């Protein structure tokens, strides 16, 4: 088990997408330990859907992290 930092005031992390209850117990425990350690503002559980992929790519493009390339005729 990784070391854990003691914390008196653990803020509740919002689950932005996904459902922790749908995950296996060991994976849920890992995520909960990581959340307690890192204390993120939100948690996004990827489902791998095409809709989610488009949404993430659109967000990254809006933030300037990625750039859409024009299609070349090969």
PDB file of N, CA and C in Angstrom:
ATOM      1  N   UNK A   1       0.851  -1.178   0.000  1.00  0.00           N
ATOM      2  CA  UNK A   1       0.000   0.000   0.000  1.00  0.00           C
ATOM      3  C   UNK A   1       0.895   1.240   0.000  1.00  0.00           C
ATOM      4  N   UNK A   2       0.597   2.241  -0.851  1.00  0.00           N
ATOM      5  CA  UNK A   2       1.410   3.449  -0.898  1.00  0.00           C
ATOM      6  C   UNK A   2       1.244   4.265   0.377  1.00  0.00           C
ATOM      7  N   UNK A   3       2.264   5.074   0.707  1.00  0.00           N
ATOM      8  CA  UNK A   3       2.136   5.908   1.898  1.00  0.00           C
ATOM      9  C   UNK A   3       1.009   6.909   1.739  1.00  0.00           C
ATOM     10  N   UNK A   4       0.348   7.209   2.839  1.00  0.00           N
ATOM     11  CA  UNK A   4      -0.761   8.148   2.810  1.00  0.00           C
ATOM     12  C   UNK A   4      -0.468   9.307   3.733  1.00  0.00           C
ATOM     13  N   UNK A   5      -0.854  10.490   3.307  1.00  0.00           N
ATOM     14  CA  UNK A   5      -0.678  11.670   4.119  1.00  0.00           C
ATOM     15  C   UNK A   5      -1.878  11.835   5.038  1.00  0.00           C
ATOM     16  N   UNK A   6      -1.631  12.109   6.309  1.00  0.00           N
ATOM     17  CA  UNK A   6      -2.768  12.356   7.186  1.00  0.00           C
ATOM     18  C   UNK A   6      -3.444  13.667   6.835  1.00  0.00           C
ATOM     19  N   UNK A   7      -4.740  13.657   6.821  1.00  0.00           N
ATOM     20  CA  UNK A   7      -5.482  14.864   6.474  1.00  0.00           C
ATOM     21  C   UNK A   7      -6.730  14.943   7.343  1.00  0.00           C
ATOM     22  N   UNK A   8      -6.900  16.057   8.008  1.00  0.00           N
ATOM     23  CA  UNK A   8      -8.052  16.239   8.868  1.00  0.00           C
ATOM     24  C   UNK A   8      -9.269  16.657   8.052  1.00  0.00           C
ATOM     25  N   UNK A   9      -9.075  17.522   7.073  1.00  0.00           N
ATOM     26  CA  UNK A   9     -10.184  18.070   6.286  1.00  0.00           C
ATOM     27  C   UNK A   9     -10.088  17.585   4.855  1.00  0.00           C
ATOM     28  N   UNK A  10     -10.582  16.396   4.584  1.00  0.00           N
ATOM     29  CA  UNK A  10     -10.541  15.877   3.229  1.00  0.00           C
ATOM     30  C   UNK A  10     -11.749  16.394   2.471  1.00  0.00           C
ATOM     31  N   UNK A  11     -11.511  17.266   1.465  1.00  0.00           N
ATOM     32  CA  UNK A  11     -12.638  17.774   0.701  1.00  0.00           C
ATOM     33  C   UNK A  11     -13.256  16.672  -0.148  1.00  0.00           C
ATOM     34  N   UNK A  12     -14.546  16.759  -0.343  1.00  0.00           N
ATOM     35  CA  UNK A  12     -15.241  15.809  -1.177  1.00  0.00           C
ATOM     36  C   UNK A  12     -14.932  16.106  -2.641  1.00  0.00           C
ATOM     37  N   UNK A  13     -14.482  15.099  -3.362  1.00  0.00           N
ATOM     38  CA  UNK A  13     -14.156  15.265  -4.769  1.00  0.00           C
ATOM     39  C   UNK A  13     -15.385  14.971  -5.609  1.00  0.00           C
ATOM     40  N   UNK A  14     -15.705  15.896  -6.513  1.00  0.00           N
ATOM     41  CA  UNK A  14     -16.849  15.706  -7.406  1.00  0.00           C
ATOM     42  C   UNK A  14     -16.496  14.697  -8.491  1.00  0.00           C
ATOM     43  N   UNK A  15     -17.370  13.752  -8.739  1.00  0.00           N
ATOM     44  CA  UNK A  15     -17.219  12.832  -9.862  1.00  0.00           C
ATOM     45  C   UNK A  15     -17.886  13.509 -11.050  1.00  0.00           C
ATOM     46  N   UNK A  16     -17.063  13.950 -12.009  1.00  0.00           N
ATOM     47  CA  UNK A  16     -17.568  14.688 -13.167  1.00  0.00           C
ATOM     48  C   UNK A  16     -18.231  13.767 -14.175  1.00  0.00           C
ATOM     49  N   UNK A  17     -17.681  12.566 -14.312  1.00  0.00           N
ATOM     50  CA  UNK A  17     -18.259  11.587 -15.236  1.00  0.00           C
ATOM     51  C   UNK A  17     -17.932  10.201 -14.734  1.00  0.00           C
ATOM     52  N   UNK A  18     -18.859   9.296 -14.897  1.00  0.00           N
ATOM     53  CA  UNK A  18     -18.648   7.913 -14.496  1.00  0.00           C
ATOM     54  C   UNK A  18     -19.278   7.617 -13.148  1.00  0.00           C
ATOM     55  N   UNK A  19     -19.110   6.380 -12.713  1.00  0.00           N
ATOM     56  CA  UNK A  19     -19.716   5.923 -11.468  1.00  0.00           C
ATOM     57  C   UNK A  19     -18.723   5.031 -10.735  1.00  0.00           C
ATOM     58  N   UNK A  20     -18.273   5.469  -9.571  1.00  0.00           N
ATOM     59  CA  UNK A  20     -17.324   4.675  -8.783  1.00  0.00           C
ATOM     60  C   UNK A  20     -17.903   3.320  -8.406  1.00  0.00           C
ATOM     61  N   UNK A  21     -19.189   3.256  -8.180  1.00  0.00           N
ATOM     62  CA  UNK A  21     -19.822   2.008  -7.753  1.00  0.00           C
ATOM     63  C   UNK A  21     -19.755   0.922  -8.836  1.00  0.00           C
ATOM     64  N   UNK A  22     -19.587   1.317 -10.077  1.00  0.00           N
ATOM     65  CA  UNK A  22     -19.539   0.337 -11.159  1.00  0.00           C
ATOM     66  C   UNK A  22     -18.165  -0.305 -11.314  1.00  0.00           C
ATOM     67  N   UNK A  23     -17.161   0.182 -10.571  1.00  0.00           N
ATOM     68  CA  UNK A  23     -15.803  -0.334 -10.672  1.00  0.00           C
ATOM     69  C   UNK A  23     -15.567  -1.454  -9.667  1.00  0.00           C
ATOM     70  N   UNK A  24     -14.544  -2.265  -9.937  1.00  0.00           N
ATOM     71  CA  UNK A  24     -14.207  -3.343  -9.003  1.00  0.00           C
ATOM     72  C   UNK A  24     -13.733  -2.749  -7.681  1.00  0.00           C
ATOM     73  N   UNK A  25     -13.813  -3.534  -6.628  1.00  0.00           N
ATOM     74  CA  UNK A  25     -13.458  -3.056  -5.290  1.00  0.00           C
ATOM     75  C   UNK A  25     -11.994  -2.626  -5.220  1.00  0.00           C
ATOM     76  N   UNK A  26     -11.095  -3.390  -5.843  1.00  0.00           N
ATOM     77  CA  UNK A  26      -9.669  -3.044  -5.779  1.00  0.00           C
ATOM     78  C   UNK A  26      -9.379  -1.755  -6.551  1.00  0.00           C
ATOM     79  N   UNK A  27     -10.022  -1.565  -7.692  1.00  0.00           N
ATOM     80  CA  UNK A  27      -9.832  -0.343  -8.464  1.00  0.00           C
ATOM     81  C   UNK A  27     -10.430   0.856  -7.740  1.00  0.00           C
ATOM     82  N   UNK A  28     -11.594   0.669  -7.143  1.00  0.00           N
ATOM     83  CA  UNK A  28     -12.240   1.742  -6.377  1.00  0.00           C
ATOM     84  C   UNK A  28     -11.360   2.157  -5.195  1.00  0.00           C
ATOM     85  N   UNK A  29     -10.754   1.178  -4.514  1.00  0.00           N
ATOM     86  CA  UNK A  29      -9.860   1.476  -3.389  1.00  0.00           C
ATOM     87  C   UNK A  29      -8.635   2.259  -3.863  1.00  0.00           C
ATOM     88  N   UNK A  30      -8.060   1.859  -5.009  1.00  0.00           N
ATOM     89  CA  UNK A  30      -6.914   2.571  -5.566  1.00  0.00           C
ATOM     90  C   UNK A  30      -7.269   4.020  -5.886  1.00  0.00           C
ATOM     91  N   UNK A  31      -8.417   4.220  -6.513  1.00  0.00           N
ATOM     92  CA  UNK A  31      -8.849   5.575  -6.878  1.00  0.00           C
ATOM     93  C   UNK A  31      -9.094   6.411  -5.632  1.00  0.00           C
ATOM     94  N   UNK A  32      -9.764   5.839  -4.635  1.00  0.00           N
ATOM     95  CA  UNK A  32     -10.040   6.578  -3.409  1.00  0.00           C
ATOM     96  C   UNK A  32      -8.752   6.966  -2.679  1.00  0.00           C
ATOM     97  N   UNK A  33      -7.764   6.069  -2.649  1.00  0.00           N
ATOM     98  CA  UNK A  33      -6.471   6.391  -2.031  1.00  0.00           C
ATOM     99  C   UNK A  33      -5.761   7.499  -2.808  1.00  0.00           C
ATOM    100  N   UNK A  34      -5.827   7.430  -4.127  1.00  0.00           N
ATOM    101  CA  UNK A  34      -5.188   8.457  -4.962  1.00  0.00           C
ATOM    102  C   UNK A  34      -5.865   9.811  -4.792  1.00  0.00           C
ATOM    103  N   UNK A  35      -7.192   9.808  -4.697  1.00  0.00           N
ATOM    104  CA  UNK A  35      -7.944  11.047  -4.480  1.00  0.00           C
ATOM    105  C   UNK A  35      -7.585  11.654  -3.133  1.00  0.00           C
ATOM    106  N   UNK A  36      -7.481  10.816  -2.100  1.00  0.00           N
ATOM    107  CA  UNK A  36      -7.105  11.320  -0.778  1.00  0.00           C
ATOM    108  C   UNK A  36      -5.707  11.920  -0.785  1.00  0.00           C
ATOM    109  N   UNK A  37      -4.804  11.316  -1.544  1.00  0.00           N
ATOM    110  CA  UNK A  37      -3.430  11.799  -1.607  1.00  0.00           C
ATOM    111  C   UNK A  37      -3.314  13.067  -2.448  1.00  0.00           C
ATOM    112  N   UNK A  38      -3.929  13.067  -3.635  1.00  0.00           N
ATOM    113  CA  UNK A  38      -3.762  14.175  -4.597  1.00  0.00           C
ATOM    114  C   UNK A  38      -4.788  15.292  -4.426  1.00  0.00           C
ATOM    115  N   UNK A  39      -5.935  14.997  -3.873  1.00  0.00           N
ATOM    116  CA  UNK A  39      -7.013  15.946  -3.641  1.00  0.00           C
ATOM    117  C   UNK A  39      -7.377  16.766  -4.886  1.00  0.00           C
ATOM    118  N   UNK A  40      -7.787  16.093  -5.965  1.00  0.00           N
ATOM    119  CA  UNK A  40      -8.173  16.810  -7.183  1.00  0.00           C
ATOM    120  C   UNK A  40      -9.506  17.535  -7.004  1.00  0.00           C
ATOM    121  N   UNK A  41      -9.759  18.506  -7.878  1.00  0.00           N
ATOM    122  CA  UNK A  41     -11.035  19.225  -7.856  1.00  0.00           C
ATOM    123  C   UNK A  41     -12.172  18.349  -8.365  1.00  0.00           C
ATOM    124  N   UNK A  42     -11.864  17.459  -9.308  1.00  0.00           N
ATOM    125  CA  UNK A  42     -12.888  16.613  -9.888  1.00  0.00           C
ATOM    126  C   UNK A  42     -12.299  15.308 -10.376  1.00  0.00           C
ATOM    127  N   UNK A  43     -13.162  14.335 -10.602  1.00  0.00           N
ATOM    128  CA  UNK A  43     -12.751  13.010 -11.035  1.00  0.00           C
ATOM    129  C   UNK A  43     -13.561  12.630 -12.271  1.00  0.00           C
ATOM    130  N   UNK A  44     -12.872  12.222 -13.334  1.00  0.00           N
ATOM    131  CA  UNK A  44     -13.515  11.802 -14.580  1.00  0.00           C
ATOM    132  C   UNK A  44     -13.144  10.342 -14.794  1.00  0.00           C
ATOM    133  N   UNK A  45     -14.125   9.470 -14.785  1.00  0.00           N
ATOM    134  CA  UNK A  45     -13.900   8.051 -15.017  1.00  0.00           C
ATOM    135  C   UNK A  45     -14.220   7.773 -16.486  1.00  0.00           C
ATOM    136  N   UNK A  46     -13.209   7.441 -17.251  1.00  0.00           N
ATOM    137  CA  UNK A  46     -13.377   7.222 -18.694  1.00  0.00           C
ATOM    138  C   UNK A  46     -14.165   5.947 -18.960  1.00  0.00           C
ATOM    139  N   UNK A  47     -15.085   6.032 -19.941  1.00  0.00           N
ATOM    140  CA  UNK A  47     -15.848   4.850 -20.343  1.00  0.00           C
ATOM    141  C   UNK A  47     -15.437   4.364 -21.727  1.00  0.00           C
ATOM    142  N   UNK A  48     -14.623   5.140 -22.419  1.00  0.00           N
ATOM    143  CA  UNK A  48     -14.102   4.709 -23.710  1.00  0.00           C
ATOM    144  C   UNK A  48     -15.063   4.863 -24.874  1.00  0.00           C
ATOM    145  N   UNK A  49     -16.153   5.576 -24.688  1.00  0.00           N
ATOM    146  CA  UNK A  49     -17.133   5.725 -25.760  1.00  0.00           C
ATOM    147  C   UNK A  49     -16.647   6.728 -26.806  1.00  0.00           C
ATOM    148  N   UNK A  50     -17.227   6.636 -28.010  1.00  0.00           N
ATOM    149  CA  UNK A  50     -16.894   7.580 -29.079  1.00  0.00           C
ATOM    150  C   UNK A  50     -17.298   8.994 -28.687  1.00  0.00           C
ATOM    151  N   UNK A  51     -18.429   9.132 -28.021  1.00  0.00           N
ATOM    152  CA  UNK A  51     -18.902  10.448 -27.581  1.00  0.00           C
ATOM    153  C   UNK A  51     -17.898  11.080 -26.606  1.00  0.00           C
ATOM    154  N   UNK A  52     -17.416  10.279 -25.676  1.00  0.00           N
ATOM    155  CA  UNK A  52     -16.433  10.781 -24.709  1.00  0.00           C
ATOM    156  C   UNK A  52     -15.149  11.189 -25.427  1.00  0.00           C
ATOM    157  N   UNK A  53     -14.708  10.396 -26.384  1.00  0.00           N
ATOM    158  CA  UNK A  53     -13.503  10.712 -27.144  1.00  0.00           C
ATOM    159  C   UNK A  53     -13.648  12.039 -27.871  1.00  0.00           C
ATOM    160  N   UNK A  54     -14.774  12.235 -28.553  1.00  0.00           N
ATOM    161  CA  UNK A  54     -15.004  13.502 -29.259  1.00  0.00           C
ATOM    162  C   UNK A  54     -15.029  14.678 -28.290  1.00  0.00           C
ATOM    163  N   UNK A  55     -15.660  14.486 -27.138  1.00  0.00           N
ATOM    164  CA  UNK A  55     -15.755  15.541 -26.141  1.00  0.00           C
ATOM    165  C   UNK A  55     -14.375  15.940 -25.617  1.00  0.00           C
ATOM    166  N   UNK A  56     -13.545  14.957 -25.308  1.00  0.00           N
ATOM    167  CA  UNK A  56     -12.198  15.239 -24.802  1.00  0.00           C
ATOM    168  C   UNK A  56     -11.358  15.919 -25.878  1.00  0.00           C
ATOM    169  N   UNK A  57     -11.429  15.426 -27.117  1.00  0.00           N
ATOM    170  CA  UNK A  57     -10.665  16.041 -28.199  1.00  0.00           C
ATOM    171  C   UNK A  57     -11.108  17.480 -28.446  1.00  0.00           C
ATOM    172  N   UNK A  58     -12.423  17.736 -28.387  1.00  0.00           N
ATOM    173  CA  UNK A  58     -12.947  19.090 -28.570  1.00  0.00           C
ATOM    174  C   UNK A  58     -12.442  20.016 -27.458  1.00  0.00           C
ATOM    175  N   UNK A  59     -12.452  19.542 -26.236  1.00  0.00           N
ATOM    176  CA  UNK A  59     -11.976  20.331 -25.102  1.00  0.00           C
ATOM    177  C   UNK A  59     -10.479  20.640 -25.233  1.00  0.00           C
ATOM    178  N   UNK A  60      -9.681  19.648 -25.601  1.00  0.00           N
ATOM    179  CA  UNK A  60      -8.244  19.859 -25.776  1.00  0.00           C
ATOM    180  C   UNK A  60      -7.958  20.841 -26.910  1.00  0.00           C
ATOM    181  N   UNK A  61      -8.762  20.769 -27.977  1.00  0.00           N
ATOM    182  CA  UNK A  61      -8.588  21.694 -29.097  1.00  0.00           C
ATOM    183  C   UNK A  61      -8.951  23.117 -28.675  1.00  0.00           C
ATOM    184  N   UNK A  62     -10.030  23.281 -27.913  1.00  0.00           N
ATOM    185  CA  UNK A  62     -10.437  24.604 -27.432  1.00  0.00           C
ATOM    186  C   UNK A  62      -9.382  25.219 -26.515  1.00  0.00           C
ATOM    187  N   UNK A  63      -8.706  24.386 -25.734  1.00  0.00           N
ATOM    188  CA  UNK A  63      -7.686  24.862 -24.803  1.00  0.00           C
ATOM    189  C   UNK A  63      -6.337  25.079 -25.490  1.00  0.00           C
ATOM    190  N   UNK A  64      -6.229  24.709 -26.764  1.00  0.00           N
ATOM    191  CA  UNK A  64      -4.987  24.901 -27.508  1.00  0.00           C
ATOM    192  C   UNK A  64      -3.934  23.838 -27.238  1.00  0.00           C
ATOM    193  N   UNK A  65      -4.338  22.733 -26.613  1.00  0.00           N
ATOM    194  CA  UNK A  65      -3.397  21.659 -26.313  1.00  0.00           C
ATOM    195  C   UNK A  65      -3.080  20.858 -27.571  1.00  0.00           C
ATOM    196  N   UNK A  66      -4.104  20.662 -28.406  1.00  0.00           N
ATOM    197  CA  UNK A  66      -3.924  19.955 -29.669  1.00  0.00           C
ATOM    198  C   UNK A  66      -4.456  20.829 -30.799  1.00  0.00           C
ATOM    199  N   UNK A  67      -4.056  20.496 -32.016  1.00  0.00           N
ATOM    200  CA  UNK A  67      -4.505  21.241 -33.186  1.00  0.00           C
ATOM    201  C   UNK A  67      -4.963  20.245 -34.241  1.00  0.00           C
ATOM    202  N   UNK A  68      -6.133  20.502 -34.791  1.00  0.00           N
ATOM    203  CA  UNK A  68      -6.670  19.640 -35.841  1.00  0.00           C
ATOM    204  C   UNK A  68      -5.829  19.850 -37.115  1.00  0.00           C
ATOM    205  N   UNK A  69      -5.391  18.748 -37.696  1.00  0.00           N
ATOM    206  CA  UNK A  69      -4.599  18.812 -38.919  1.00  0.00           C
ATOM    207  C   UNK A  69      -5.500  18.625 -40.132  1.00  0.00           C
ATOM    208  N   UNK A  70      -5.148  19.314 -41.210  1.00  0.00           N
ATOM    209  CA  UNK A  70      -5.920  19.135 -42.439  1.00  0.00           C
ATOM    210  C   UNK A  70      -5.575  17.780 -43.061  1.00  0.00           C
ATOM    211  N   UNK A  71      -6.552  17.225 -43.780  1.00  0.00           N
ATOM    212  CA  UNK A  71      -6.370  15.920 -44.385  1.00  0.00           C
ATOM    213  C   UNK A  71      -5.569  16.063 -45.669  1.00  0.00           C
ATOM    214  N   UNK A  72      -4.612  15.187 -45.838  1.00  0.00           N
ATOM    215  CA  UNK A  72      -3.787  15.206 -47.056  1.00  0.00           C
ATOM    216  C   UNK A  72      -4.274  14.150 -48.022  1.00  0.00           C
ATOM    217  N   UNK A  73      -4.155  14.421 -49.316  1.00  0.00           N
ATOM    218  CA  UNK A  73      -4.468  13.429 -50.345  1.00  0.00           C
ATOM    219  C   UNK A  73      -3.213  12.607 -50.587  1.00  0.00           C
ATOM    220  N   UNK A  74      -3.267  11.349 -50.251  1.00  0.00           N
ATOM    221  CA  UNK A  74      -2.102  10.467 -50.420  1.00  0.00           C
ATOM    222  C   UNK A  74      -2.261   9.660 -51.671  1.00  0.00           C
TER     223      UNK A  74
END
